[in-house]
Amino acid sequence: MSQRGPIAQQLIAVTWLVAALGAVAAERYATQDVGGSECVIAYSRMTVGTEFSDTWTPDEETIDRAYQKAVETGRCERPRKRWEEWLD
């Protein structure tokens, strides 16, 4: 059985480390959610009395609810994992 030198052992260890980090990066990239197509979401606000403002920006929760409702009613595609697009 041949003995490997310390440089060869370090090279093997670095190679395994680079391969492992590459595999982790590829896995994270492949499992990211991506949208199927553009989805336009409309929302409105009702006011009572004199409480009126020209500038109103909805919060993230309002936008998320509108998006989920659009997905549930079939107006928008569900987000998919990136690797699922590779199979199409």
N, C-alpha and C. Protein backbone atom coordinates (compact mmCIF):
# COMPACT_ATOMS: atom_id res chain seq x y z
N MET A 1 0.85 -1.17 0.00
CA MET A 1 0.00 0.00 0.00
C MET A 1 0.90 1.23 0.00
N SER A 2 0.58 2.16 -0.85
CA SER A 2 1.42 3.34 -0.96
C SER A 2 1.00 4.40 0.06
N GLN A 3 1.96 5.11 0.54
CA GLN A 3 1.72 6.19 1.49
C GLN A 3 1.58 7.50 0.72
N ARG A 4 0.59 8.29 1.06
CA ARG A 4 0.43 9.59 0.43
C ARG A 4 1.19 10.62 1.26
N GLY A 5 1.76 11.57 0.56
CA GLY A 5 2.47 12.64 1.24
C GLY A 5 1.50 13.66 1.81
N PRO A 6 1.99 14.55 2.67
CA PRO A 6 1.10 15.54 3.29
C PRO A 6 0.48 16.50 2.28
N ILE A 7 1.19 16.81 1.21
CA ILE A 7 0.63 17.70 0.19
C ILE A 7 -0.51 17.02 -0.55
N ALA A 8 -0.36 15.75 -0.86
CA ALA A 8 -1.41 15.00 -1.54
C ALA A 8 -2.65 14.89 -0.65
N GLN A 9 -2.45 14.68 0.66
CA GLN A 9 -3.58 14.59 1.59
C GLN A 9 -4.30 15.94 1.68
N GLN A 10 -3.55 17.03 1.70
CA GLN A 10 -4.17 18.35 1.74
C GLN A 10 -4.96 18.62 0.46
N LEU A 11 -4.39 18.22 -0.67
CA LEU A 11 -5.06 18.41 -1.94
C LEU A 11 -6.38 17.62 -1.99
N ILE A 12 -6.36 16.42 -1.49
CA ILE A 12 -7.58 15.60 -1.45
C ILE A 12 -8.61 16.24 -0.52
N ALA A 13 -8.16 16.73 0.63
CA ALA A 13 -9.09 17.36 1.58
C ALA A 13 -9.71 18.63 0.98
N VAL A 14 -8.90 19.44 0.31
CA VAL A 14 -9.41 20.67 -0.31
C VAL A 14 -10.38 20.31 -1.43
N THR A 15 -10.08 19.28 -2.20
CA THR A 15 -10.96 18.85 -3.29
C THR A 15 -12.32 18.43 -2.73
N TRP A 16 -12.33 17.65 -1.66
CA TRP A 16 -13.59 17.23 -1.04
C TRP A 16 -14.36 18.42 -0.49
N LEU A 17 -13.63 19.38 0.10
CA LEU A 17 -14.29 20.57 0.63
C LEU A 17 -14.95 21.38 -0.48
N VAL A 18 -14.24 21.59 -1.58
CA VAL A 18 -14.79 22.34 -2.71
C VAL A 18 -16.00 21.60 -3.30
N ALA A 19 -15.90 20.28 -3.41
CA ALA A 19 -17.02 19.49 -3.94
C ALA A 19 -18.24 19.59 -3.02
N ALA A 20 -18.02 19.54 -1.71
CA ALA A 20 -19.13 19.62 -0.76
C ALA A 20 -19.78 21.00 -0.82
N LEU A 21 -18.98 22.06 -0.86
CA LEU A 21 -19.54 23.41 -0.95
C LEU A 21 -20.28 23.62 -2.27
N GLY A 22 -19.76 23.06 -3.34
CA GLY A 22 -20.44 23.15 -4.63
C GLY A 22 -21.78 22.42 -4.61
N ALA A 23 -21.82 21.26 -3.95
CA ALA A 23 -23.07 20.51 -3.86
C ALA A 23 -24.11 21.27 -3.03
N VAL A 24 -23.69 21.90 -1.95
CA VAL A 24 -24.60 22.68 -1.12
C VAL A 24 -25.14 23.88 -1.91
N ALA A 25 -24.25 24.57 -2.62
CA ALA A 25 -24.68 25.73 -3.42
C ALA A 25 -25.67 25.30 -4.51
N ALA A 26 -25.40 24.19 -5.17
CA ALA A 26 -26.30 23.70 -6.22
C ALA A 26 -27.66 23.32 -5.63
N GLU A 27 -27.66 22.70 -4.46
CA GLU A 27 -28.92 22.31 -3.82
C GLU A 27 -29.74 23.54 -3.44
N ARG A 28 -29.09 24.55 -2.90
CA ARG A 28 -29.81 25.77 -2.51
C ARG A 28 -30.37 26.49 -3.75
N TYR A 29 -29.62 26.52 -4.82
CA TYR A 29 -30.07 27.16 -6.05
C TYR A 29 -31.26 26.39 -6.64
N ALA A 30 -31.18 25.07 -6.65
CA ALA A 30 -32.22 24.25 -7.28
C ALA A 30 -33.52 24.25 -6.50
N THR A 31 -33.48 24.52 -5.20
CA THR A 31 -34.70 24.44 -4.40
C THR A 31 -35.31 25.81 -4.11
N GLN A 32 -34.84 26.86 -4.77
CA GLN A 32 -35.45 28.18 -4.60
C GLN A 32 -36.81 28.22 -5.28
N ASP A 33 -37.75 28.95 -4.67
CA ASP A 33 -39.06 29.14 -5.29
C ASP A 33 -38.95 30.16 -6.41
N VAL A 34 -39.55 29.84 -7.54
CA VAL A 34 -39.63 30.78 -8.66
C VAL A 34 -41.08 30.84 -9.11
N GLY A 35 -41.51 32.01 -9.54
CA GLY A 35 -42.88 32.18 -10.00
C GLY A 35 -43.04 31.66 -11.42
N GLY A 36 -44.22 31.21 -11.74
CA GLY A 36 -44.47 30.68 -13.06
C GLY A 36 -44.62 31.76 -14.12
N SER A 37 -45.36 32.79 -13.81
CA SER A 37 -45.58 33.89 -14.75
C SER A 37 -45.87 35.15 -13.94
N GLU A 38 -45.97 36.25 -14.65
CA GLU A 38 -46.30 37.49 -13.95
C GLU A 38 -47.73 37.41 -13.42
N CYS A 39 -47.91 37.98 -12.29
CA CYS A 39 -49.22 37.96 -11.66
C CYS A 39 -49.54 39.37 -11.20
N VAL A 40 -50.63 39.90 -11.72
CA VAL A 40 -51.04 41.25 -11.35
C VAL A 40 -52.09 41.13 -10.25
N ILE A 41 -51.83 41.82 -9.16
CA ILE A 41 -52.73 41.77 -8.02
C ILE A 41 -53.29 43.17 -7.81
N ALA A 42 -54.59 43.26 -7.71
CA ALA A 42 -55.24 44.55 -7.46
C ALA A 42 -55.83 44.54 -6.06
N TYR A 43 -55.77 45.67 -5.42
CA TYR A 43 -56.37 45.80 -4.10
C TYR A 43 -56.88 47.23 -3.96
N SER A 44 -57.82 47.41 -3.05
CA SER A 44 -58.40 48.74 -2.86
C SER A 44 -58.63 48.96 -1.37
N ARG A 45 -58.97 50.18 -1.05
CA ARG A 45 -59.22 50.53 0.34
C ARG A 45 -60.47 51.39 0.41
N MET A 46 -61.28 51.11 1.39
CA MET A 46 -62.48 51.92 1.59
C MET A 46 -62.27 52.78 2.83
N THR A 47 -62.74 53.99 2.77
CA THR A 47 -62.64 54.88 3.93
C THR A 47 -64.03 55.29 4.37
N VAL A 48 -64.13 55.63 5.62
CA VAL A 48 -65.40 56.07 6.19
C VAL A 48 -65.21 57.49 6.70
N GLY A 49 -66.13 58.35 6.37
CA GLY A 49 -66.06 59.72 6.86
C GLY A 49 -65.03 60.54 6.10
N THR A 50 -64.32 61.37 6.83
CA THR A 50 -63.37 62.29 6.20
C THR A 50 -61.95 61.75 6.19
N GLU A 51 -61.78 60.53 6.60
CA GLU A 51 -60.43 59.94 6.65
C GLU A 51 -60.01 59.51 5.24
N PHE A 52 -59.50 60.43 4.46
CA PHE A 52 -59.09 60.13 3.10
C PHE A 52 -57.65 60.60 2.90
N SER A 53 -56.89 59.76 2.25
CA SER A 53 -55.49 60.10 1.98
C SER A 53 -55.18 59.70 0.56
N ASP A 54 -54.52 60.58 -0.18
CA ASP A 54 -54.15 60.26 -1.56
C ASP A 54 -53.08 59.19 -1.63
N THR A 55 -52.26 59.13 -0.62
CA THR A 55 -51.16 58.15 -0.63
C THR A 55 -51.45 57.05 0.37
N TRP A 56 -51.60 55.88 -0.13
CA TRP A 56 -51.79 54.70 0.71
C TRP A 56 -50.98 53.58 0.14
N THR A 57 -50.13 53.02 0.94
CA THR A 57 -49.31 51.89 0.51
C THR A 57 -49.69 50.70 1.37
N PRO A 58 -50.14 49.61 0.75
CA PRO A 58 -50.53 48.45 1.54
C PRO A 58 -49.30 47.80 2.19
N ASP A 59 -49.53 47.16 3.31
CA ASP A 59 -48.44 46.47 3.98
C ASP A 59 -48.22 45.10 3.34
N GLU A 60 -47.15 44.45 3.71
CA GLU A 60 -46.79 43.15 3.13
C GLU A 60 -47.87 42.10 3.37
N GLU A 61 -48.51 42.16 4.52
CA GLU A 61 -49.55 41.18 4.84
C GLU A 61 -50.72 41.30 3.87
N THR A 62 -51.11 42.52 3.54
CA THR A 62 -52.20 42.75 2.58
C THR A 62 -51.83 42.21 1.21
N ILE A 63 -50.61 42.47 0.77
CA ILE A 63 -50.14 41.99 -0.54
C ILE A 63 -50.09 40.47 -0.55
N ASP A 64 -49.58 39.87 0.53
CA ASP A 64 -49.51 38.40 0.61
C ASP A 64 -50.89 37.76 0.57
N ARG A 65 -51.84 38.34 1.29
CA ARG A 65 -53.22 37.80 1.26
C ARG A 65 -53.82 37.88 -0.14
N ALA A 66 -53.61 39.02 -0.82
CA ALA A 66 -54.14 39.18 -2.17
C ALA A 66 -53.50 38.18 -3.13
N TYR A 67 -52.20 37.95 -2.98
CA TYR A 67 -51.50 36.98 -3.83
C TYR A 67 -52.02 35.56 -3.57
N GLN A 68 -52.15 35.19 -2.30
CA GLN A 68 -52.65 33.85 -1.97
C GLN A 68 -54.06 33.64 -2.51
N LYS A 69 -54.89 34.66 -2.42
CA LYS A 69 -56.25 34.55 -2.95
C LYS A 69 -56.23 34.38 -4.47
N ALA A 70 -55.33 35.10 -5.15
CA ALA A 70 -55.20 34.97 -6.61
C ALA A 70 -54.71 33.58 -6.99
N VAL A 71 -53.81 33.01 -6.21
CA VAL A 71 -53.32 31.65 -6.48
C VAL A 71 -54.44 30.64 -6.26
N GLU A 72 -55.18 30.80 -5.16
CA GLU A 72 -56.26 29.86 -4.83
C GLU A 72 -57.38 29.88 -5.86
N THR A 73 -57.65 31.04 -6.46
CA THR A 73 -58.72 31.13 -7.45
C THR A 73 -58.23 30.80 -8.86
N GLY A 74 -56.96 30.53 -9.01
CA GLY A 74 -56.42 30.13 -10.31
C GLY A 74 -56.02 31.27 -11.21
N ARG A 75 -56.01 32.50 -10.71
CA ARG A 75 -55.61 33.64 -11.54
C ARG A 75 -54.09 33.75 -11.66
N CYS A 76 -53.37 33.14 -10.76
CA CYS A 76 -51.91 33.16 -10.78
C CYS A 76 -51.39 31.74 -10.60
N GLU A 77 -50.23 31.47 -11.19
CA GLU A 77 -49.61 30.15 -11.00
C GLU A 77 -48.95 30.09 -9.64
N ARG A 78 -48.96 28.89 -9.07
CA ARG A 78 -48.26 28.69 -7.81
C ARG A 78 -46.75 28.75 -8.04
N PRO A 79 -46.01 29.28 -7.07
CA PRO A 79 -44.56 29.24 -7.22
C PRO A 79 -44.08 27.78 -7.16
N ARG A 80 -43.04 27.49 -7.92
CA ARG A 80 -42.51 26.14 -7.96
C ARG A 80 -41.03 26.18 -7.63
N LYS A 81 -40.50 25.03 -7.31
CA LYS A 81 -39.06 24.91 -7.09
C LYS A 81 -38.37 24.98 -8.44
N ARG A 82 -37.20 25.57 -8.47
CA ARG A 82 -36.46 25.76 -9.72
C ARG A 82 -36.22 24.42 -10.43
N TRP A 83 -35.92 23.37 -9.68
CA TRP A 83 -35.62 22.09 -10.32
C TRP A 83 -36.83 21.52 -11.03
N GLU A 84 -38.05 21.89 -10.62
CA GLU A 84 -39.24 21.42 -11.32
C GLU A 84 -39.33 22.00 -12.71
N GLU A 85 -38.82 23.23 -12.91
CA GLU A 85 -38.81 23.82 -14.25
C GLU A 85 -37.84 23.08 -15.17
N TRP A 86 -36.79 22.54 -14.61
CA TRP A 86 -35.80 21.81 -15.43
C TRP A 86 -36.41 20.55 -16.02
N LEU A 87 -37.45 20.01 -15.39
CA LEU A 87 -38.06 18.78 -15.88
C LEU A 87 -39.09 19.03 -16.98
N ASP A 88 -39.55 20.29 -17.10
CA ASP A 88 -40.55 20.61 -18.13
C ASP A 88 -39.95 20.58 -19.52
